[in-house]
Amino acid sequence: MDYELDADPALASVVLELEKHHASAGWDQPARLYALVDTARFVAAEPALAAQLGLDDSREQGSLTPVEQEELPTTERLEDVLDTIAWPASVAGCAVVVERLVLPPAADGQVPDDPDAAEEFAREHPDRQEVRIVAGTTRDGSAYCALRLRSEDDDAAVMGGVDLVPNLVAALSDTLRDEGTGDE
């Protein structure tokens, strides 16, 4: 896999870690949302839990730890759910893991505007591809994404980069703009 030089190494590392973790669970999984916390800060705040997880302050300087959130509702669009989220200041970033259908560029202009009709169109399209997307962003504006096609389900075929899924990254970034009212 290619590594983009302008990517935040801590964010890229946690996104790739999440992708590998979800790959081990197989396909057809629900979307998952993660808070990304500064590992050193986490170790200082929760030393017993950090020790159980095998984290220590000196080894984890500059890294991010993913903290899985409650299961996302399956009856709502992910983008609508993200619109309702605001993270506390203790959260350095966030990441989401989601499976989607993607269509070839030739399908541009054919996809219906209605979200339900668009989803059905994608499911029925003969050239659709299933993809697992892991997108992450931080408060400082860094972003990184990892993509795995179901048709090429191999660690070596995972694609990574900062601009792979701009709309999803923007929706995640919006959850970090309002820092919430409390601290975890």
Protein backbone atom coordinates (compact mmCIF):
# COMPACT_ATOMS: atom_id res chain seq x y z
CA MET A 1 0.00 0.00 0.00
CA ASP A 2 1.18 3.51 -0.75
CA TYR A 3 1.60 5.90 2.15
CA GLU A 4 0.93 9.56 1.44
CA LEU A 5 3.76 11.74 2.73
CA ASP A 6 1.43 14.61 3.67
CA ALA A 7 -0.72 12.39 5.89
CA ASP A 8 -0.69 12.73 9.68
CA PRO A 9 1.22 9.57 10.70
CA ALA A 10 -0.75 9.05 13.94
CA LEU A 11 -4.08 9.38 12.14
CA ALA A 12 -3.00 7.18 9.22
CA SER A 13 -1.79 4.55 11.68
CA VAL A 14 -5.06 4.41 13.65
CA VAL A 15 -7.18 4.37 10.46
CA LEU A 16 -5.16 1.47 9.07
CA GLU A 17 -5.36 -0.31 12.44
CA LEU A 18 -9.15 0.04 12.41
CA GLU A 19 -9.33 -1.20 8.81
CA LYS A 20 -7.31 -4.29 9.66
CA HIS A 21 -9.40 -4.93 12.78
CA HIS A 22 -12.65 -4.73 10.82
CA ALA A 23 -11.26 -6.83 8.00
CA SER A 24 -10.73 -9.64 10.50
CA ALA A 25 -14.47 -9.53 11.31
CA GLY A 26 -15.43 -10.05 7.67
CA TRP A 27 -17.96 -8.26 5.52
CA ASP A 28 -21.59 -7.25 5.99
CA GLN A 29 -20.89 -5.46 9.27
CA PRO A 30 -22.78 -2.43 10.57
CA ALA A 31 -21.19 1.01 10.53
CA ARG A 32 -19.02 1.82 13.56
CA LEU A 33 -18.03 5.16 15.02
CA TYR A 34 -14.88 5.84 17.06
CA ALA A 35 -13.65 8.71 19.16
CA LEU A 36 -9.91 9.17 18.71
CA VAL A 37 -8.11 10.22 21.87
CA ASP A 38 -4.51 11.22 22.43
CA THR A 39 -2.97 8.04 23.82
CA ALA A 40 -0.65 9.78 26.29
CA ARG A 41 -3.59 11.76 27.66
CA PHE A 42 -5.66 8.57 27.85
CA VAL A 43 -2.88 6.73 29.74
CA ALA A 44 -2.62 9.62 32.22
CA ALA A 45 -6.40 9.81 32.74
CA GLU A 46 -7.12 6.07 32.82
CA PRO A 47 -3.91 4.26 33.90
CA ALA A 48 -5.61 1.02 34.98
CA LEU A 49 -7.60 0.70 31.75
CA ALA A 50 -4.56 1.68 29.69
CA ALA A 51 -2.53 -1.04 31.43
CA GLN A 52 -5.23 -3.62 30.62
CA LEU A 53 -5.01 -2.55 26.98
CA GLY A 54 -1.21 -2.80 27.00
CA LEU A 55 -0.67 0.93 26.53
CA ASP A 56 2.08 2.84 28.26
CA ASP A 57 2.84 6.53 28.19
CA SER A 58 6.40 6.45 26.88
CA ARG A 59 5.76 4.02 24.03
CA GLU A 60 2.53 5.67 22.88
CA GLN A 61 3.63 9.33 22.69
CA GLY A 62 2.08 11.02 19.65
CA SER A 63 -0.37 8.22 18.90
CA LEU A 64 -4.15 8.05 18.91
CA THR A 65 -6.31 5.43 20.58
CA PRO A 66 -9.69 4.54 19.07
CA VAL A 67 -12.61 4.30 21.49
CA GLU A 68 -15.62 2.58 19.94
CA GLN A 69 -18.93 4.34 20.49
CA GLU A 70 -22.39 2.87 20.87
CA GLU A 71 -23.79 1.07 17.87
CA LEU A 72 -25.10 3.46 15.24
CA PRO A 73 -28.79 3.32 14.31
CA THR A 74 -29.36 1.23 11.20
CA THR A 75 -32.61 2.95 10.32
CA GLU A 76 -31.00 6.33 9.62
CA ARG A 77 -28.52 7.45 7.01
CA LEU A 78 -25.00 7.75 8.41
CA GLU A 79 -24.75 11.36 7.27
CA ASP A 80 -27.93 12.21 9.22
CA VAL A 81 -26.57 10.54 12.36
CA LEU A 82 -23.27 12.41 12.04
CA ASP A 83 -25.20 15.68 11.88
CA THR A 84 -26.36 15.06 15.47
CA ILE A 85 -22.91 14.42 16.98
CA ALA A 86 -20.62 16.86 18.75
CA TRP A 87 -17.53 15.62 20.58
CA PRO A 88 -16.15 16.92 23.89
CA ALA A 89 -12.80 18.72 23.87
CA SER A 90 -11.02 15.58 25.13
CA VAL A 91 -11.63 13.92 21.75
CA ALA A 92 -8.78 14.66 19.35
CA GLY A 93 -10.54 13.22 16.32
CA CYS A 94 -13.03 10.65 15.13
CA ALA A 95 -13.26 7.81 12.66
CA VAL A 96 -16.01 5.82 11.04
CA VAL A 97 -16.04 2.39 9.43
CA VAL A 98 -18.76 1.83 6.86
CA GLU A 99 -19.48 -0.48 3.94
CA ARG A 100 -20.86 1.05 0.76
CA LEU A 101 -21.63 0.23 -2.84
CA VAL A 102 -19.69 2.26 -5.37
CA LEU A 103 -20.45 2.62 -9.04
CA PRO A 104 -18.14 3.15 -12.00
CA PRO A 105 -17.75 6.66 -13.46
CA ALA A 106 -19.96 5.61 -16.38
CA ALA A 107 -22.93 5.60 -13.98
CA ASP A 108 -22.53 9.33 -13.27
CA GLY A 109 -25.64 11.21 -14.26
CA GLN A 110 -27.79 8.05 -14.05
CA VAL A 111 -28.11 7.89 -10.25
CA PRO A 112 -31.50 9.13 -9.00
CA ASP A 113 -31.57 12.14 -6.66
CA ASP A 114 -33.79 10.42 -4.10
CA PRO A 115 -31.54 8.62 -1.56
CA ASP A 116 -33.71 5.48 -1.40
CA ALA A 117 -33.93 5.25 -5.18
CA ALA A 118 -30.17 5.87 -5.46
CA GLU A 119 -29.47 3.05 -3.01
CA GLU A 120 -31.70 0.67 -4.98
CA PHE A 121 -30.06 1.77 -8.24
CA ALA A 122 -26.62 1.00 -6.79
CA ARG A 123 -27.71 -2.42 -5.44
CA GLU A 124 -29.09 -3.37 -8.86
CA HIS A 125 -26.21 -2.01 -10.97
CA PRO A 126 -24.24 -4.85 -12.61
CA ASP A 127 -20.88 -3.05 -12.23
CA ARG A 128 -21.22 -2.10 -8.56
CA GLN A 129 -18.34 -2.72 -6.18
CA GLU A 130 -18.62 -3.29 -2.46
CA VAL A 131 -16.12 -1.28 -0.46
CA ARG A 132 -15.22 -0.90 3.21
CA ILE A 133 -14.30 2.68 4.03
CA VAL A 134 -12.47 3.77 7.14
CA ALA A 135 -12.30 7.54 7.34
CA GLY A 136 -10.75 9.57 10.12
CA THR A 137 -10.17 13.21 10.88
CA THR A 138 -8.70 15.27 13.68
CA ARG A 139 -9.47 18.66 15.17
CA ASP A 140 -6.46 20.15 13.40
CA GLY A 141 -8.01 19.27 10.02
CA SER A 142 -5.94 16.20 9.20
CA ALA A 143 -7.73 13.42 7.37
CA TYR A 144 -6.93 9.90 6.26
CA CYS A 145 -8.98 7.15 4.62
CA ALA A 146 -8.47 3.47 3.89
CA LEU A 147 -10.52 1.55 1.31
CA ARG A 148 -10.83 -2.17 0.75
CA LEU A 149 -12.77 -3.61 -2.18
CA ARG A 150 -14.62 -6.82 -1.44
CA SER A 151 -13.53 -8.14 -4.83
CA GLU A 152 -9.87 -7.68 -3.80
CA ASP A 153 -10.11 -8.62 -0.14
CA ASP A 154 -6.41 -8.64 0.65
CA ASP A 155 -4.35 -6.49 3.03
CA ALA A 156 -1.95 -5.63 0.19
CA ALA A 157 -4.82 -4.21 -1.89
CA VAL A 158 -5.99 -1.69 0.73
CA MET A 159 -5.83 1.84 -0.66
CA GLY A 160 -5.02 4.75 1.61
CA GLY A 161 -4.94 8.50 1.23
CA VAL A 162 -6.10 11.86 2.49
CA ASP A 163 -8.62 12.70 -0.26
CA LEU A 164 -10.33 9.38 -1.02
CA VAL A 165 -13.77 10.12 0.44
CA PRO A 166 -14.05 13.91 0.79
CA ASN A 167 -17.78 14.10 1.60
CA LEU A 168 -17.49 11.57 4.43
CA VAL A 169 -14.40 13.32 5.79
CA ALA A 170 -16.27 16.65 5.70
CA ALA A 171 -19.20 15.13 7.62
CA LEU A 172 -16.79 13.74 10.23
CA SER A 173 -14.97 17.07 10.48
CA ASP A 174 -18.28 18.81 11.14
CA THR A 175 -18.75 16.65 14.26
CA LEU A 176 -15.53 18.12 15.66
CA ARG A 177 -16.36 21.79 15.07
CA ASP A 178 -18.63 22.12 18.10
CA GLU A 179 -16.51 20.90 20.97
CA GLY A 180 -19.53 20.04 23.11
CA THR A 181 -20.00 21.19 26.64
CA GLY A 182 -18.13 18.68 28.71
CA ASP A 183 -14.93 16.75 28.96
CA GLU A 184 -14.70 12.99 29.21
